[in-house]
Amino acid sequence: MRHPRRRAGPVTDDGFREFVATRGLALSRMAYLITGDHALAEDLVQETLVKVAARWRKLTQEGDPEPYVRKVLINQLRTWRRPRRLAFVSTADLPEPSPSTDESAQTDLKVALLRALSVLGSRQRIVLYLRFYEDLTESAVAAELGCSIGTVKRHTHDALKRLRQMAPQLLETEVRS
């Protein structure tokens, strides 16, 4: 009796599908916040997951795969050839807010934040995302990016200084998602 050959392909039986189902939205959010473009973010996540799937079994044996997945996503972004600065263009009208709440102030703040983030370099956006959205320590960010803690501090300082100059209204209020 002949044994059927196993086909090489993406890992589906070791929790990869579960990981994508539970963490896929967070990875997409990270990619969008770093790139500022939905289509580019989708492509970035897709290519990241393809690369990670090939090593999934080994990653899960080593422990938590999430830091590795984030690192692959960041490195994948670095390897792409793209313009240094991203332009945000509004292509649709904003939906009408519900009569009980005034969303216009929050929308204005979000637009101001996106515009201010668009003038930052990708490295600064990555550092801000990891520090303040993922709530990683400076040493964890440095380890993930393969740089010194001083470099992380410098990028954080320069990025926040530039954000304060570009959108001073963000200092006075809190942006809700």
C-alpha atoms as a PDB file:
ATOM      1  CA  MET A   1       0.000   0.000   0.000  1.00  0.00           C
ATOM      2  CA  ARG A   2       1.430   3.349  -1.022  1.00  0.00           C
ATOM      3  CA  HIS A   3       1.319   6.268   1.365  1.00  0.00           C
ATOM      4  CA  PRO A   4       0.107   9.534  -0.104  1.00  0.00           C
ATOM      5  CA  ARG A   5       2.702  12.252  -0.245  1.00  0.00           C
ATOM      6  CA  ARG A   6       2.198  15.263   1.926  1.00  0.00           C
ATOM      7  CA  ARG A   7       1.886  18.450  -0.015  1.00  0.00           C
ATOM      8  CA  ALA A   8       3.966  21.399   1.033  1.00  0.00           C
ATOM      9  CA  GLY A   9       1.838  24.420   1.711  1.00  0.00           C
ATOM     10  CA  PRO A  10       0.704  26.810   4.382  1.00  0.00           C
ATOM     11  CA  VAL A  11       0.396  25.417   7.852  1.00  0.00           C
ATOM     12  CA  THR A  12      -3.245  25.026   8.805  1.00  0.00           C
ATOM     13  CA  ASP A  13      -3.206  22.585  11.681  1.00  0.00           C
ATOM     14  CA  ASP A  14      -0.926  24.247  14.231  1.00  0.00           C
ATOM     15  CA  GLY A  15      -2.962  27.304  15.120  1.00  0.00           C
ATOM     16  CA  PHE A  16      -2.014  29.499  12.162  1.00  0.00           C
ATOM     17  CA  ARG A  17      -5.633  30.013  11.121  1.00  0.00           C
ATOM     18  CA  GLU A  18      -6.558  30.820  14.706  1.00  0.00           C
ATOM     19  CA  PHE A  19      -3.724  33.328  14.919  1.00  0.00           C
ATOM     20  CA  VAL A  20      -4.848  35.039  11.718  1.00  0.00           C
ATOM     21  CA  ALA A  21      -8.461  35.049  12.905  1.00  0.00           C
ATOM     22  CA  THR A  22      -7.610  36.548  16.303  1.00  0.00           C
ATOM     23  CA  ARG A  23      -4.681  38.825  15.440  1.00  0.00           C
ATOM     24  CA  GLY A  24      -5.313  39.613  11.760  1.00  0.00           C
ATOM     25  CA  LEU A  25      -7.299  42.762  12.501  1.00  0.00           C
ATOM     26  CA  ALA A  26      -4.575  44.050  14.830  1.00  0.00           C
ATOM     27  CA  LEU A  27      -1.930  43.377  12.161  1.00  0.00           C
ATOM     28  CA  SER A  28      -4.041  45.204   9.577  1.00  0.00           C
ATOM     29  CA  ARG A  29      -4.463  48.132  11.950  1.00  0.00           C
ATOM     30  CA  MET A  30      -0.713  48.238  12.556  1.00  0.00           C
ATOM     31  CA  ALA A  31       0.016  48.138   8.832  1.00  0.00           C
ATOM     32  CA  TYR A  32      -2.502  50.904   8.143  1.00  0.00           C
ATOM     33  CA  LEU A  33      -1.208  53.150  10.900  1.00  0.00           C
ATOM     34  CA  ILE A  34       2.351  52.702   9.657  1.00  0.00           C
ATOM     35  CA  THR A  35       1.632  53.102   5.940  1.00  0.00           C
ATOM     36  CA  GLY A  36      -1.404  55.382   5.965  1.00  0.00           C
ATOM     37  CA  ASP A  37      -2.898  53.501   3.016  1.00  0.00           C
ATOM     38  CA  HIS A  38      -5.527  50.748   3.242  1.00  0.00           C
ATOM     39  CA  ALA A  39      -4.531  48.940   0.039  1.00  0.00           C
ATOM     40  CA  LEU A  40      -0.831  49.046   0.883  1.00  0.00           C
ATOM     41  CA  ALA A  41      -1.603  47.834   4.410  1.00  0.00           C
ATOM     42  CA  GLU A  42      -3.591  44.874   3.061  1.00  0.00           C
ATOM     43  CA  ASP A  43      -0.741  43.905   0.743  1.00  0.00           C
ATOM     44  CA  LEU A  44       1.760  44.270   3.551  1.00  0.00           C
ATOM     45  CA  VAL A  45      -0.216  41.996   5.895  1.00  0.00           C
ATOM     46  CA  GLN A  46      -0.775  39.447   3.124  1.00  0.00           C
ATOM     47  CA  GLU A  47       2.925  39.199   2.281  1.00  0.00           C
ATOM     48  CA  THR A  48       3.845  39.083   5.950  1.00  0.00           C
ATOM     49  CA  LEU A  49       1.473  36.203   6.631  1.00  0.00           C
ATOM     50  CA  VAL A  50       2.757  34.271   3.609  1.00  0.00           C
ATOM     51  CA  LYS A  51       6.300  34.537   4.951  1.00  0.00           C
ATOM     52  CA  VAL A  52       5.271  33.654   8.491  1.00  0.00           C
ATOM     53  CA  ALA A  53       3.183  30.639   7.398  1.00  0.00           C
ATOM     54  CA  ALA A  54       6.287  28.926   6.065  1.00  0.00           C
ATOM     55  CA  ARG A  55       7.909  29.057   9.521  1.00  0.00           C
ATOM     56  CA  TRP A  56       4.792  28.769  11.668  1.00  0.00           C
ATOM     57  CA  ARG A  57       5.510  25.404  13.277  1.00  0.00           C
ATOM     58  CA  LYS A  58       8.983  26.515  14.395  1.00  0.00           C
ATOM     59  CA  LEU A  59       7.677  29.865  15.636  1.00  0.00           C
ATOM     60  CA  THR A  60       5.051  28.285  17.840  1.00  0.00           C
ATOM     61  CA  GLN A  61       7.608  25.891  19.293  1.00  0.00           C
ATOM     62  CA  GLU A  62       9.806  28.848  20.254  1.00  0.00           C
ATOM     63  CA  GLY A  63       6.986  30.633  22.082  1.00  0.00           C
ATOM     64  CA  ASP A  64       4.841  33.647  21.262  1.00  0.00           C
ATOM     65  CA  PRO A  65       5.002  34.290  17.488  1.00  0.00           C
ATOM     66  CA  GLU A  66       3.560  37.823  17.639  1.00  0.00           C
ATOM     67  CA  PRO A  67       6.850  39.763  18.070  1.00  0.00           C
ATOM     68  CA  TYR A  68       8.320  37.852  15.135  1.00  0.00           C
ATOM     69  CA  VAL A  69       5.259  38.567  12.985  1.00  0.00           C
ATOM     70  CA  ARG A  70       5.513  42.300  13.786  1.00  0.00           C
ATOM     71  CA  LYS A  71       9.201  42.247  12.915  1.00  0.00           C
ATOM     72  CA  VAL A  72       8.507  40.541   9.577  1.00  0.00           C
ATOM     73  CA  LEU A  73       5.824  43.145   8.835  1.00  0.00           C
ATOM     74  CA  ILE A  74       8.209  46.012   9.597  1.00  0.00           C
ATOM     75  CA  ASN A  75      11.043  44.465   7.594  1.00  0.00           C
ATOM     76  CA  GLN A  76       8.710  43.791   4.684  1.00  0.00           C
ATOM     77  CA  LEU A  77       7.705  47.451   4.671  1.00  0.00           C
ATOM     78  CA  ARG A  78      11.366  48.483   4.625  1.00  0.00           C
ATOM     79  CA  THR A  79      12.108  46.328   1.582  1.00  0.00           C
ATOM     80  CA  TRP A  80       9.335  47.777  -0.541  1.00  0.00           C
ATOM     81  CA  ARG A  81      10.188  50.603  -2.854  1.00  0.00           C
ATOM     82  CA  ARG A  82       7.699  53.340  -2.227  1.00  0.00           C
ATOM     83  CA  PRO A  83       7.612  57.113  -1.883  1.00  0.00           C
ATOM     84  CA  ARG A  84       9.102  58.353   1.367  1.00  0.00           C
ATOM     85  CA  ARG A  85       6.113  60.511   2.185  1.00  0.00           C
ATOM     86  CA  LEU A  86       2.568  59.361   1.872  1.00  0.00           C
ATOM     87  CA  ALA A  87      -0.184  61.624   0.638  1.00  0.00           C
ATOM     88  CA  PHE A  88      -3.621  61.276   2.176  1.00  0.00           C
ATOM     89  CA  VAL A  89      -6.431  62.202  -0.167  1.00  0.00           C
ATOM     90  CA  SER A  90     -10.054  62.277   0.889  1.00  0.00           C
ATOM     91  CA  THR A  91     -12.122  60.485  -1.731  1.00  0.00           C
ATOM     92  CA  ALA A  92     -15.501  60.178  -0.077  1.00  0.00           C
ATOM     93  CA  ASP A  93     -17.854  62.322   1.926  1.00  0.00           C
ATOM     94  CA  LEU A  94     -17.966  61.665   5.617  1.00  0.00           C
ATOM     95  CA  PRO A  95     -21.117  59.947   6.888  1.00  0.00           C
ATOM     96  CA  GLU A  96     -23.644  62.035   8.729  1.00  0.00           C
ATOM     97  CA  PRO A  97     -23.189  61.895  12.508  1.00  0.00           C
ATOM     98  CA  SER A  98     -26.032  60.748  14.696  1.00  0.00           C
ATOM     99  CA  PRO A  99     -28.093  63.655  16.033  1.00  0.00           C
ATOM    100  CA  SER A 100     -27.280  62.808  19.655  1.00  0.00           C
ATOM    101  CA  THR A 101     -23.485  63.259  19.327  1.00  0.00           C
ATOM    102  CA  ASP A 102     -21.274  65.813  17.663  1.00  0.00           C
ATOM    103  CA  GLU A 103     -18.615  63.814  15.855  1.00  0.00           C
ATOM    104  CA  SER A 104     -17.238  66.719  13.830  1.00  0.00           C
ATOM    105  CA  ALA A 105     -14.664  67.734  16.434  1.00  0.00           C
ATOM    106  CA  GLN A 106     -13.393  64.157  16.717  1.00  0.00           C
ATOM    107  CA  THR A 107     -13.296  63.810  12.934  1.00  0.00           C
ATOM    108  CA  ASP A 108     -11.320  67.039  12.616  1.00  0.00           C
ATOM    109  CA  LEU A 109      -8.814  65.754  15.173  1.00  0.00           C
ATOM    110  CA  LYS A 110      -8.449  62.419  13.396  1.00  0.00           C
ATOM    111  CA  VAL A 111      -7.865  64.154  10.064  1.00  0.00           C
ATOM    112  CA  ALA A 112      -5.303  66.460  11.677  1.00  0.00           C
ATOM    113  CA  LEU A 113      -3.539  63.479  13.233  1.00  0.00           C
ATOM    114  CA  LEU A 114      -3.427  61.570   9.923  1.00  0.00           C
ATOM    115  CA  ARG A 115      -2.049  64.612   8.110  1.00  0.00           C
ATOM    116  CA  ALA A 116       0.568  65.175  10.785  1.00  0.00           C
ATOM    117  CA  LEU A 117       1.574  61.491  10.720  1.00  0.00           C
ATOM    118  CA  SER A 118       1.906  61.610   6.932  1.00  0.00           C
ATOM    119  CA  VAL A 119       4.830  64.043   7.168  1.00  0.00           C
ATOM    120  CA  LEU A 120       6.802  61.726   9.435  1.00  0.00           C
ATOM    121  CA  GLY A 121       9.258  59.222   8.051  1.00  0.00           C
ATOM    122  CA  SER A 122       8.265  55.573   8.132  1.00  0.00           C
ATOM    123  CA  ARG A 123      10.799  54.791  10.877  1.00  0.00           C
ATOM    124  CA  GLN A 124       9.290  57.491  13.117  1.00  0.00           C
ATOM    125  CA  ARG A 125       5.752  56.199  12.461  1.00  0.00           C
ATOM    126  CA  ILE A 126       6.869  52.661  13.301  1.00  0.00           C
ATOM    127  CA  VAL A 127       8.477  53.802  16.562  1.00  0.00           C
ATOM    128  CA  LEU A 128       5.384  55.801  17.563  1.00  0.00           C
ATOM    129  CA  TYR A 129       3.126  52.868  16.744  1.00  0.00           C
ATOM    130  CA  LEU A 130       5.159  50.379  18.755  1.00  0.00           C
ATOM    131  CA  ARG A 131       5.691  52.717  21.703  1.00  0.00           C
ATOM    132  CA  PHE A 132       2.238  54.221  22.094  1.00  0.00           C
ATOM    133  CA  TYR A 133      -0.208  51.914  20.328  1.00  0.00           C
ATOM    134  CA  GLU A 134       1.370  48.562  21.164  1.00  0.00           C
ATOM    135  CA  ASP A 135       2.618  50.029  24.474  1.00  0.00           C
ATOM    136  CA  LEU A 136       6.077  48.487  24.148  1.00  0.00           C
ATOM    137  CA  THR A 137       8.999  49.722  26.228  1.00  0.00           C
ATOM    138  CA  GLU A 138      11.873  51.562  24.606  1.00  0.00           C
ATOM    139  CA  SER A 139      14.089  48.512  25.000  1.00  0.00           C
ATOM    140  CA  ALA A 140      11.443  46.242  23.425  1.00  0.00           C
ATOM    141  CA  VAL A 141      11.096  48.617  20.460  1.00  0.00           C
ATOM    142  CA  ALA A 142      14.880  48.763  20.092  1.00  0.00           C
ATOM    143  CA  ALA A 143      15.074  44.976  20.100  1.00  0.00           C
ATOM    144  CA  GLU A 144      12.274  44.671  17.572  1.00  0.00           C
ATOM    145  CA  LEU A 145      13.837  47.227  15.216  1.00  0.00           C
ATOM    146  CA  GLY A 146      17.407  46.094  15.746  1.00  0.00           C
ATOM    147  CA  CYS A 147      18.660  49.483  16.919  1.00  0.00           C
ATOM    148  CA  SER A 148      19.800  51.126  20.137  1.00  0.00           C
ATOM    149  CA  ILE A 149      17.529  52.513  22.834  1.00  0.00           C
ATOM    150  CA  GLY A 150      19.010  55.938  22.118  1.00  0.00           C
ATOM    151  CA  THR A 151      17.839  55.690  18.511  1.00  0.00           C
ATOM    152  CA  VAL A 152      14.321  54.838  19.681  1.00  0.00           C
ATOM    153  CA  LYS A 153      14.368  57.808  22.065  1.00  0.00           C
ATOM    154  CA  ARG A 154      15.611  60.129  19.309  1.00  0.00           C
ATOM    155  CA  HIS A 155      12.960  58.970  16.827  1.00  0.00           C
ATOM    156  CA  THR A 156      10.243  59.304  19.484  1.00  0.00           C
ATOM    157  CA  HIS A 157      11.398  62.773  20.505  1.00  0.00           C
ATOM    158  CA  ASP A 158      11.732  64.047  16.924  1.00  0.00           C
ATOM    159  CA  ALA A 159       8.390  62.571  15.857  1.00  0.00           C
ATOM    160  CA  LEU A 160       6.471  64.004  18.825  1.00  0.00           C
ATOM    161  CA  LYS A 161       8.103  67.400  18.342  1.00  0.00           C
ATOM    162  CA  ARG A 162       7.071  67.407  14.686  1.00  0.00           C
ATOM    163  CA  LEU A 163       3.527  66.282  15.536  1.00  0.00           C
ATOM    164  CA  ARG A 164       3.215  69.118  18.059  1.00  0.00           C
ATOM    165  CA  GLN A 165       4.282  71.602  15.380  1.00  0.00           C
ATOM    166  CA  MET A 166       2.019  70.196  12.676  1.00  0.00           C
ATOM    167  CA  ALA A 167      -1.099  69.685  14.817  1.00  0.00           C
ATOM    168  CA  PRO A 168      -1.021  71.709  18.045  1.00  0.00           C
ATOM    169  CA  GLN A 169      -4.761  71.113  18.530  1.00  0.00           C
ATOM    170  CA  LEU A 170      -3.943  67.491  19.413  1.00  0.00           C
ATOM    171  CA  LEU A 171      -2.267  68.637  22.622  1.00  0.00           C
ATOM    172  CA  GLU A 172      -5.493  70.042  24.027  1.00  0.00           C
ATOM    173  CA  THR A 173      -7.834  67.111  23.466  1.00  0.00           C
ATOM    174  CA  GLU A 174      -7.967  63.345  23.321  1.00  0.00           C
ATOM    175  CA  VAL A 175      -8.749  61.514  20.077  1.00  0.00           C
ATOM    176  CA  ARG A 176     -11.258  58.666  20.467  1.00  0.00           C
ATOM    177  CA  SER A 177     -11.363  55.864  17.942  1.00  0.00           C
END
